[in-house]
Amino acid sequence: MNEFLGIVTDPGERLFGTVSRLGKDLSVQKGYLEIGNFLVKSGIGIVIGEGQAIPVGYVPLRINNKLQNKYGQRRNPRGFKETRVRRYYKRNQI
């Protein structure tokens, strides 16, 4: 019955499907980023900070009905822990 319904039970095939889907999602997100970068670099669009008013004549960029407001932001919620390896390289300046 599972075969007829198309339910995948093989672990290898399930992993392949997951990795494949993640690759597609990443590719789409990279495309959105490239569109935003192009608009800003060409002067068509501008970047405004959080809480700033949108200037007259501009509208927020939406792609697939999702607001593109992450231009240039990097996510680092907490600092990285210093490990023994980092400490060693820092001391010995390798």
Protein backbone atom coordinates (compact mmCIF):
# COMPACT_ATOMS: atom_id res chain seq x y z
CA MET A 1 0.00 0.00 0.00
CA ASN A 2 2.87 2.41 0.87
CA GLU A 3 4.37 1.86 -2.57
CA PHE A 4 1.05 2.65 -4.23
CA LEU A 5 0.68 5.87 -2.21
CA GLY A 6 4.26 6.92 -2.91
CA ILE A 7 5.37 6.86 0.73
CA VAL A 8 9.14 6.57 0.92
CA THR A 9 10.35 4.10 3.54
CA ASP A 10 13.96 3.59 2.43
CA PRO A 11 16.22 5.68 4.73
CA GLY A 12 18.67 6.49 1.93
CA GLU A 13 15.94 7.79 -0.33
CA ARG A 14 14.41 9.82 2.50
CA LEU A 15 17.80 11.42 3.24
CA PHE A 16 18.31 12.19 -0.46
CA GLY A 17 14.88 13.83 -0.61
CA THR A 18 15.63 15.94 2.46
CA VAL A 19 19.04 17.08 1.22
CA SER A 20 17.62 17.77 -2.22
CA ARG A 21 14.83 19.92 -0.78
CA LEU A 22 17.26 21.86 1.42
CA GLY A 23 19.43 22.54 -1.63
CA LYS A 24 16.46 23.88 -3.57
CA ASP A 25 15.40 26.12 -0.68
CA LEU A 26 18.93 27.47 -0.31
CA SER A 27 19.10 28.15 -4.03
CA VAL A 28 15.84 30.13 -3.90
CA GLN A 29 17.01 32.18 -0.91
CA LYS A 30 20.31 32.94 -2.65
CA GLY A 31 18.35 34.12 -5.69
CA TYR A 32 16.29 36.48 -3.52
CA LEU A 33 19.50 37.85 -1.99
CA GLU A 34 21.00 38.42 -5.43
CA ILE A 35 17.91 40.33 -6.55
CA GLY A 36 18.14 42.59 -3.49
CA ASN A 37 21.87 43.13 -3.99
CA PHE A 38 21.34 44.03 -7.65
CA LEU A 39 18.62 46.55 -6.82
CA VAL A 40 20.74 48.26 -4.18
CA LYS A 41 23.97 48.28 -6.23
CA SER A 42 22.22 49.64 -9.30
CA GLY A 43 20.63 52.48 -7.31
CA ILE A 44 17.06 51.35 -7.88
CA GLY A 45 16.59 50.34 -4.25
CA ILE A 46 17.87 51.58 -0.91
CA VAL A 47 18.45 49.97 2.46
CA ILE A 48 16.75 51.52 5.47
CA GLY A 49 17.33 50.67 9.09
CA GLU A 50 14.93 49.08 11.51
CA GLY A 51 12.20 51.51 12.54
CA GLN A 52 13.03 54.14 9.92
CA ALA A 53 10.22 55.54 7.79
CA ILE A 54 10.05 54.46 4.17
CA PRO A 55 10.97 57.43 1.94
CA VAL A 56 8.39 58.87 -0.46
CA GLY A 57 8.40 57.06 -3.79
CA TYR A 58 9.70 53.76 -2.41
CA VAL A 59 7.81 50.60 -1.50
CA PRO A 60 9.08 47.59 0.47
CA LEU A 61 10.47 44.79 -1.70
CA ARG A 62 8.30 41.68 -1.66
CA ILE A 63 9.17 38.49 -3.50
CA ASN A 64 6.56 35.70 -3.45
CA ASN A 65 4.64 37.85 -0.97
CA LYS A 66 7.54 37.74 1.52
CA LEU A 67 9.09 40.97 2.71
CA GLN A 68 12.81 41.12 1.86
CA ASN A 69 14.18 43.00 4.86
CA LYS A 70 17.32 41.02 5.72
CA TYR A 71 19.74 42.80 3.36
CA GLY A 72 23.26 42.68 4.78
CA GLN A 73 22.24 41.26 8.13
CA ARG A 74 24.20 38.39 9.58
CA ARG A 75 22.87 36.20 12.33
CA ASN A 76 25.12 35.61 15.31
CA PRO A 77 22.91 35.34 18.39
CA ARG A 78 25.76 34.60 20.78
CA GLY A 79 29.52 34.80 20.80
CA PHE A 80 31.66 31.80 20.04
CA LYS A 81 33.23 29.91 22.88
CA GLU A 82 37.01 29.97 22.94
CA THR A 83 38.23 26.41 22.49
CA ARG A 84 41.59 24.88 23.38
CA VAL A 85 42.56 24.83 19.71
CA ARG A 86 41.84 28.56 19.30
CA ARG A 87 43.74 29.33 22.48
CA TYR A 88 46.73 27.33 21.21
CA TYR A 89 46.76 29.14 17.86
CA LYS A 90 46.33 32.50 19.55
CA ARG A 91 49.28 31.90 21.87
CA ASN A 92 51.58 30.49 19.20
CA GLN A 93 50.44 32.84 16.38
CA ILE A 94 50.35 30.07 13.80
